[in-house]
């Protein structure tokens, strides 16, 4: 049996303008309050080359990375097989025993490529070393 309606059906409209306003306000809120990940940065305090090295922590164990002019690495006077980042990270972990609070010094030849020094700093940063030093020699006096 089919019944007839007395009134024709009304069309229902949903007002989307208010919904769009709320979505934009939420989007603005999330963009403003979101903290983006910062790239890891190592703070490097370069020593002054006028007075030379201080002897305050000579007794402590330390890790020393030496880089020659060709970019070959040596960790605590142990020559590494290759100059890859993974090899350097493994050698640093082995020498430090996992203790990243040890002081780490990087000694590079004056003609060492910058990339080799950056690779050493990157390896130290990935392992979490906090005390990083760059060694220098005392400048000759200009007499």
N, C-alpha and C. Protein backbone atom coordinates (compact mmCIF):
# COMPACT_ATOMS: atom_id res chain seq x y z
N UNK A 1 0.81 -1.15 0.00
CA UNK A 1 0.00 0.00 0.00
C UNK A 1 0.88 1.24 0.00
N UNK A 2 0.59 2.18 -0.79
CA UNK A 2 1.40 3.37 -0.95
C UNK A 2 0.65 4.57 -0.42
N UNK A 3 1.28 5.25 0.57
CA UNK A 3 0.66 6.42 1.15
C UNK A 3 1.25 7.66 0.54
N UNK A 4 0.42 8.61 0.36
CA UNK A 4 0.87 9.90 -0.17
C UNK A 4 1.12 10.85 0.96
N UNK A 5 2.13 11.66 0.78
CA UNK A 5 2.42 12.68 1.77
C UNK A 5 1.59 13.91 1.48
N UNK A 6 1.25 14.56 2.52
CA UNK A 6 0.44 15.74 2.32
C UNK A 6 1.28 16.93 1.91
N UNK A 7 2.50 17.02 2.50
CA UNK A 7 3.38 18.14 2.17
C UNK A 7 4.56 17.60 1.39
N UNK A 8 5.06 18.37 0.48
CA UNK A 8 6.26 17.91 -0.23
C UNK A 8 7.48 17.96 0.72
N UNK A 9 8.42 17.08 0.45
CA UNK A 9 9.62 16.99 1.29
C UNK A 9 10.45 18.25 1.22
N UNK A 10 10.95 18.68 2.38
CA UNK A 10 11.79 19.86 2.41
C UNK A 10 13.25 19.43 2.21
N UNK A 11 14.03 20.23 1.52
CA UNK A 11 15.45 19.94 1.35
C UNK A 11 16.19 20.46 2.57
N UNK A 12 17.08 19.64 3.06
CA UNK A 12 17.84 20.01 4.26
C UNK A 12 19.21 20.51 3.81
N UNK A 13 19.56 21.71 4.24
CA UNK A 13 20.86 22.30 3.91
C UNK A 13 21.69 22.40 5.19
N UNK A 14 22.95 22.02 5.08
CA UNK A 14 23.87 22.15 6.20
C UNK A 14 24.79 23.32 5.88
N UNK A 15 24.86 24.25 6.79
CA UNK A 15 25.69 25.42 6.60
C UNK A 15 27.15 25.05 6.93
N UNK A 16 28.02 25.03 5.93
CA UNK A 16 29.40 24.60 6.12
C UNK A 16 30.35 25.76 6.43
N UNK A 17 29.89 26.98 6.36
CA UNK A 17 30.75 28.13 6.59
C UNK A 17 31.30 28.11 8.02
N UNK A 18 30.46 27.82 9.00
CA UNK A 18 30.90 27.77 10.39
C UNK A 18 31.91 26.63 10.60
N UNK A 19 31.66 25.49 9.97
CA UNK A 19 32.56 24.35 10.08
C UNK A 19 33.93 24.67 9.49
N UNK A 20 33.97 25.33 8.37
CA UNK A 20 35.23 25.70 7.74
C UNK A 20 35.98 26.70 8.61
N UNK A 21 35.28 27.64 9.23
CA UNK A 21 35.93 28.59 10.14
C UNK A 21 36.59 27.87 11.32
N UNK A 22 35.89 26.92 11.90
CA UNK A 22 36.44 26.18 13.03
C UNK A 22 37.65 25.37 12.61
N UNK A 23 37.61 24.75 11.44
CA UNK A 23 38.74 23.95 10.95
C UNK A 23 39.95 24.85 10.73
N UNK A 24 39.78 26.01 10.18
CA UNK A 24 40.91 26.92 9.96
C UNK A 24 41.48 27.42 11.29
N UNK A 25 40.65 27.67 12.26
CA UNK A 25 41.15 28.10 13.56
C UNK A 25 41.93 26.97 14.23
N UNK A 26 41.45 25.74 14.13
CA UNK A 26 42.18 24.60 14.68
C UNK A 26 43.51 24.40 13.95
N UNK A 27 43.50 24.55 12.65
CA UNK A 27 44.73 24.42 11.87
C UNK A 27 45.75 25.48 12.29
N UNK A 28 45.30 26.70 12.46
CA UNK A 28 46.18 27.78 12.91
C UNK A 28 46.72 27.48 14.30
N UNK A 29 45.88 26.97 15.19
CA UNK A 29 46.31 26.63 16.55
C UNK A 29 47.39 25.56 16.53
N UNK A 30 47.21 24.50 15.74
CA UNK A 30 48.20 23.43 15.69
C UNK A 30 49.50 23.87 15.04
N UNK A 31 49.44 24.73 14.06
CA UNK A 31 50.66 25.22 13.43
C UNK A 31 51.46 26.08 14.41
N UNK A 32 50.78 26.91 15.18
CA UNK A 32 51.47 27.79 16.11
C UNK A 32 52.04 27.02 17.29
N UNK A 33 51.34 26.02 17.80
CA UNK A 33 51.78 25.33 19.00
C UNK A 33 52.67 24.13 18.75
N UNK A 34 52.84 23.71 17.53
CA UNK A 34 53.67 22.55 17.23
C UNK A 34 55.15 22.91 17.36
N UNK A 35 55.90 22.03 18.02
CA UNK A 35 57.34 22.21 18.07
C UNK A 35 57.95 21.25 17.06
N UNK A 36 58.78 21.78 16.22
CA UNK A 36 59.41 20.98 15.20
C UNK A 36 60.72 20.44 15.76
N UNK A 37 61.14 19.27 15.29
CA UNK A 37 62.39 18.70 15.77
C UNK A 37 63.55 19.54 15.28
N UNK A 38 64.43 19.82 16.20
CA UNK A 38 65.60 20.60 15.84
C UNK A 38 66.72 19.64 15.51
N UNK A 39 67.54 20.03 14.56
CA UNK A 39 68.67 19.20 14.23
C UNK A 39 69.64 19.20 15.40
N UNK A 40 70.28 18.05 15.58
CA UNK A 40 71.23 17.98 16.68
C UNK A 40 72.42 18.87 16.40
N UNK A 41 72.78 19.62 17.39
CA UNK A 41 73.91 20.53 17.26
C UNK A 41 74.86 20.27 18.39
N UNK A 42 76.15 20.30 18.07
CA UNK A 42 77.16 20.17 19.10
C UNK A 42 77.75 21.54 19.36
N UNK A 43 77.85 21.87 20.61
CA UNK A 43 78.46 23.14 20.98
C UNK A 43 79.95 22.90 21.13
N UNK A 44 80.74 23.61 20.38
CA UNK A 44 82.18 23.43 20.39
C UNK A 44 82.83 24.69 20.95
N UNK A 45 83.56 24.52 22.05
CA UNK A 45 84.31 25.62 22.61
C UNK A 45 85.77 25.44 22.19
N UNK A 46 86.20 26.22 21.23
CA UNK A 46 87.56 26.11 20.75
C UNK A 46 88.53 26.72 21.74
N UNK A 47 89.64 26.04 22.00
CA UNK A 47 90.61 26.59 22.95
C UNK A 47 91.40 27.73 22.34
N UNK A 48 91.88 28.62 23.18
CA UNK A 48 92.74 29.71 22.73
C UNK A 48 94.11 29.13 22.43
N UNK A 49 94.74 29.59 21.41
CA UNK A 49 96.04 29.04 21.05
C UNK A 49 97.19 29.86 21.60
N UNK A 50 96.90 30.81 22.48
CA UNK A 50 97.95 31.67 23.03
C UNK A 50 98.64 30.99 24.22
N UNK A 51 97.89 30.41 25.14
CA UNK A 51 98.47 29.88 26.36
C UNK A 51 98.85 28.42 26.27
N UNK A 52 98.40 27.68 25.31
CA UNK A 52 98.70 26.26 25.22
C UNK A 52 97.67 25.43 25.97
N UNK A 53 97.94 24.13 26.09
CA UNK A 53 96.98 23.22 26.71
C UNK A 53 97.08 23.28 28.22
N UNK A 54 95.92 23.18 28.87
CA UNK A 54 95.91 23.14 30.33
C UNK A 54 96.05 21.69 30.78
N UNK A 55 96.62 21.49 31.93
CA UNK A 55 96.87 20.14 32.44
C UNK A 55 95.92 19.76 33.56
N UNK A 56 94.71 20.29 33.56
CA UNK A 56 93.79 20.04 34.66
C UNK A 56 93.15 18.67 34.62
N UNK A 57 93.05 18.05 33.44
CA UNK A 57 92.43 16.73 33.38
C UNK A 57 93.34 15.71 32.70
N UNK A 58 94.64 15.81 32.95
CA UNK A 58 95.58 14.88 32.35
C UNK A 58 95.39 13.49 32.96
N UNK A 59 95.02 13.42 34.24
CA UNK A 59 94.87 12.14 34.92
C UNK A 59 93.64 11.37 34.46
N UNK A 60 92.64 12.05 33.96
CA UNK A 60 91.41 11.40 33.53
C UNK A 60 91.64 10.65 32.21
N UNK A 61 90.82 9.62 32.01
CA UNK A 61 90.84 8.91 30.74
C UNK A 61 90.19 9.81 29.69
N UNK A 62 90.73 9.82 28.50
CA UNK A 62 90.15 10.63 27.43
C UNK A 62 90.26 9.87 26.12
N UNK A 63 89.52 10.34 25.13
CA UNK A 63 89.54 9.76 23.80
C UNK A 63 90.10 10.81 22.86
N UNK A 64 91.06 10.39 22.04
CA UNK A 64 91.71 11.31 21.12
C UNK A 64 91.56 10.79 19.70
N UNK A 65 91.01 11.62 18.84
CA UNK A 65 90.90 11.30 17.41
C UNK A 65 91.96 12.12 16.69
N UNK A 66 92.82 11.44 15.93
CA UNK A 66 93.84 12.12 15.15
C UNK A 66 93.54 11.90 13.68
N UNK A 67 93.59 12.99 12.90
CA UNK A 67 93.31 12.91 11.47
C UNK A 67 94.52 13.47 10.73
N UNK A 68 95.09 12.68 9.82
CA UNK A 68 96.25 13.18 9.07
C UNK A 68 95.80 13.94 7.84
N UNK A 69 96.75 14.40 7.05
CA UNK A 69 96.44 15.26 5.89
C UNK A 69 95.63 14.53 4.82
N UNK A 70 95.73 13.20 4.77
CA UNK A 70 94.97 12.43 3.78
C UNK A 70 93.57 12.07 4.25
N UNK A 71 93.25 12.38 5.51
CA UNK A 71 91.92 12.09 6.05
C UNK A 71 91.83 10.73 6.70
N UNK A 72 92.95 10.12 7.07
CA UNK A 72 92.96 8.83 7.75
C UNK A 72 92.81 9.05 9.25
N UNK A 73 91.96 8.25 9.88
CA UNK A 73 91.65 8.42 11.30
C UNK A 73 92.48 7.48 12.17
N UNK A 74 92.75 7.97 13.37
CA UNK A 74 93.41 7.18 14.40
C UNK A 74 92.72 7.52 15.72
N UNK A 75 92.26 6.49 16.45
CA UNK A 75 91.59 6.70 17.74
C UNK A 75 92.51 6.17 18.83
N UNK A 76 92.95 7.06 19.72
CA UNK A 76 93.91 6.72 20.78
C UNK A 76 95.11 5.96 20.23
N UNK A 77 95.70 6.50 19.17
CA UNK A 77 96.89 5.95 18.51
C UNK A 77 96.69 4.58 17.89
N UNK A 78 95.44 4.21 17.61
CA UNK A 78 95.13 2.97 16.89
C UNK A 78 94.61 3.36 15.52
N UNK A 79 95.35 3.03 14.48
CA UNK A 79 94.99 3.39 13.11
C UNK A 79 93.75 2.60 12.68
N UNK A 80 92.77 3.28 12.09
CA UNK A 80 91.55 2.62 11.63
C UNK A 80 91.75 2.08 10.22
N UNK A 81 91.02 1.01 9.90
CA UNK A 81 91.17 0.34 8.61
C UNK A 81 90.71 1.22 7.45
N UNK A 82 89.61 1.95 7.64
CA UNK A 82 89.12 2.84 6.58
C UNK A 82 88.59 4.12 7.21
N UNK A 83 88.18 5.05 6.37
CA UNK A 83 87.74 6.37 6.84
C UNK A 83 86.23 6.53 6.80
N UNK A 84 85.51 5.45 7.03
CA UNK A 84 84.05 5.50 7.00
C UNK A 84 83.52 5.90 8.37
N UNK A 85 82.33 6.49 8.37
CA UNK A 85 81.69 6.95 9.59
C UNK A 85 81.40 5.80 10.54
N UNK A 86 80.90 4.67 10.01
CA UNK A 86 80.55 3.53 10.86
C UNK A 86 81.79 2.96 11.55
N UNK A 87 82.92 2.91 10.86
CA UNK A 87 84.15 2.41 11.46
C UNK A 87 84.60 3.32 12.59
N UNK A 88 84.49 4.63 12.38
CA UNK A 88 84.87 5.60 13.41
C UNK A 88 83.96 5.50 14.62
N UNK A 89 82.67 5.33 14.40
CA UNK A 89 81.71 5.20 15.51
C UNK A 89 82.01 3.94 16.32
N UNK A 90 82.29 2.82 15.64
CA UNK A 90 82.61 1.58 16.34
C UNK A 90 83.88 1.72 17.17
N UNK A 91 84.90 2.38 16.61
CA UNK A 91 86.16 2.58 17.34
C UNK A 91 85.96 3.48 18.55
N UNK A 92 85.14 4.53 18.41
CA UNK A 92 84.87 5.43 19.54
C UNK A 92 84.11 4.70 20.65
N UNK A 93 83.16 3.86 20.28
CA UNK A 93 82.41 3.11 21.28
C UNK A 93 83.34 2.14 22.02
N UNK A 94 84.23 1.51 21.28
CA UNK A 94 85.15 0.54 21.88
C UNK A 94 86.12 1.24 22.83
N UNK A 95 86.68 2.37 22.42
CA UNK A 95 87.66 3.07 23.26
C UNK A 95 87.02 3.73 24.48
N UNK A 96 85.80 4.23 24.32
CA UNK A 96 85.16 4.91 25.45
C UNK A 96 84.44 3.95 26.38
N UNK A 97 84.17 2.74 25.91
CA UNK A 97 83.42 1.79 26.73
C UNK A 97 81.99 2.22 26.96
N UNK A 98 81.46 3.06 26.09
CA UNK A 98 80.08 3.55 26.22
C UNK A 98 79.95 4.76 27.11
N UNK A 99 81.06 5.24 27.69
CA UNK A 99 81.01 6.41 28.58
C UNK A 99 81.17 7.67 27.74
N UNK A 100 80.06 8.36 27.49
CA UNK A 100 80.10 9.57 26.65
C UNK A 100 80.43 10.82 27.45
N UNK A 101 80.68 10.68 28.74
CA UNK A 101 81.07 11.85 29.53
C UNK A 101 82.58 12.09 29.47
N UNK A 102 83.30 11.18 28.84
CA UNK A 102 84.75 11.35 28.70
C UNK A 102 85.06 12.52 27.79
N UNK A 103 86.15 13.24 28.04
CA UNK A 103 86.53 14.31 27.12
C UNK A 103 87.04 13.73 25.81
N UNK A 104 86.63 14.33 24.70
CA UNK A 104 87.03 13.88 23.37
C UNK A 104 87.75 15.02 22.69
N UNK A 105 88.95 14.76 22.21
CA UNK A 105 89.69 15.81 21.50
C UNK A 105 89.95 15.35 20.07
N UNK A 106 89.85 16.30 19.16
CA UNK A 106 90.11 16.04 17.74
C UNK A 106 91.35 16.82 17.36
N UNK A 107 92.37 16.09 16.90
CA UNK A 107 93.61 16.70 16.43
C UNK A 107 93.70 16.46 14.94
N UNK A 108 93.64 17.51 14.17
CA UNK A 108 93.67 17.38 12.72
C UNK A 108 94.85 18.15 12.15
N UNK A 109 95.43 17.60 11.10
CA UNK A 109 96.51 18.26 10.40
C UNK A 109 95.97 19.54 9.76
N UNK A 110 96.85 20.50 9.54
CA UNK A 110 96.43 21.77 8.95
C UNK A 110 95.89 21.63 7.54
N UNK A 111 96.27 20.59 6.85
CA UNK A 111 95.82 20.37 5.48
C UNK A 111 94.76 19.29 5.37
N UNK A 112 94.18 18.90 6.49
CA UNK A 112 93.11 17.91 6.50
C UNK A 112 91.87 18.48 5.83
N UNK A 113 91.19 17.70 4.96
CA UNK A 113 89.93 18.20 4.38
C UNK A 113 88.89 18.44 5.47
N UNK A 114 88.09 19.47 5.29
CA UNK A 114 87.06 19.81 6.27
C UNK A 114 86.09 18.65 6.48
N UNK A 115 85.82 17.89 5.42
CA UNK A 115 84.86 16.79 5.53
C UNK A 115 85.32 15.75 6.54
N UNK A 116 86.61 15.52 6.65
CA UNK A 116 87.12 14.54 7.61
C UNK A 116 86.88 15.00 9.04
N UNK A 117 87.07 16.28 9.30
CA UNK A 117 86.83 16.82 10.64
C UNK A 117 85.34 16.80 10.96
N UNK A 118 84.51 17.15 9.99
CA UNK A 118 83.05 17.12 10.18
C UNK A 118 82.57 15.70 10.44
N UNK A 119 83.15 14.72 9.75
CA UNK A 119 82.78 13.31 9.97
C UNK A 119 83.12 12.89 11.39
N UNK A 120 84.28 13.31 11.89
CA UNK A 120 84.66 12.99 13.27
C UNK A 120 83.71 13.66 14.26
N UNK A 121 83.33 14.90 14.01
CA UNK A 121 82.39 15.60 14.89
C UNK A 121 81.01 14.95 14.82
N UNK A 122 80.61 14.49 13.64
CA UNK A 122 79.32 13.82 13.47
C UNK A 122 79.29 12.51 14.25
N UNK A 123 80.39 11.75 14.20
CA UNK A 123 80.46 10.49 14.95
C UNK A 123 80.36 10.76 16.44
N UNK A 124 81.05 11.79 16.93
CA UNK A 124 80.99 12.13 18.35
C UNK A 124 79.58 12.58 18.73
N UNK A 125 78.93 13.34 17.87
CA UNK A 125 77.58 13.81 18.14
C UNK A 125 76.57 12.68 18.17
N UNK A 126 76.71 11.71 17.26
CA UNK A 126 75.77 10.59 17.22
C UNK A 126 75.90 9.71 18.47
N UNK A 127 77.11 9.63 19.01
CA UNK A 127 77.29 8.84 20.22
C UNK A 127 76.93 9.61 21.48
N UNK A 128 76.86 10.93 21.39
CA UNK A 128 76.43 11.75 22.53
C UNK A 128 77.56 12.30 23.37
N UNK A 129 78.75 12.44 22.82
CA UNK A 129 79.85 13.03 23.58
C UNK A 129 79.54 14.50 23.84
N UNK A 130 79.76 14.93 25.08
CA UNK A 130 79.42 16.30 25.46
C UNK A 130 80.65 17.20 25.54
N UNK A 131 81.81 16.65 25.85
CA UNK A 131 83.03 17.44 26.03
C UNK A 131 83.93 17.24 24.82
N UNK A 132 83.80 18.12 23.85
CA UNK A 132 84.55 18.02 22.61
C UNK A 132 85.55 19.16 22.55
N UNK A 133 86.79 18.83 22.22
CA UNK A 133 87.84 19.84 22.10
C UNK A 133 88.54 19.70 20.77
N UNK A 134 88.90 20.81 20.21
CA UNK A 134 89.73 20.84 19.01
C UNK A 134 91.11 21.29 19.45
N UNK A 135 92.13 20.51 19.15
CA UNK A 135 93.48 20.87 19.60
C UNK A 135 94.13 21.78 18.57
N UNK A 136 94.92 22.70 19.07
CA UNK A 136 95.65 23.62 18.22
C UNK A 136 97.08 23.71 18.72
N UNK A 137 97.91 24.35 17.95
CA UNK A 137 99.28 24.61 18.38
C UNK A 137 99.41 26.09 18.66
N UNK A 138 100.36 26.43 19.48
CA UNK A 138 100.55 27.83 19.84
C UNK A 138 101.07 28.59 18.62
N UNK A 139 100.49 29.74 18.40
CA UNK A 139 100.88 30.56 17.26
C UNK A 139 102.29 31.11 17.48
N UNK A 140 103.08 31.14 16.40
CA UNK A 140 104.43 31.68 16.50
C UNK A 140 104.37 33.20 16.61
N UNK A 141 105.23 33.74 17.44
CA UNK A 141 105.24 35.21 17.60
C UNK A 141 105.87 35.84 16.38
N UNK A 142 105.33 36.98 15.98
CA UNK A 142 105.81 37.67 14.78
C UNK A 142 106.83 38.72 15.19
N UNK A 143 108.08 38.33 15.41
CA UNK A 143 109.14 39.26 15.77
C UNK A 143 110.03 39.55 14.61
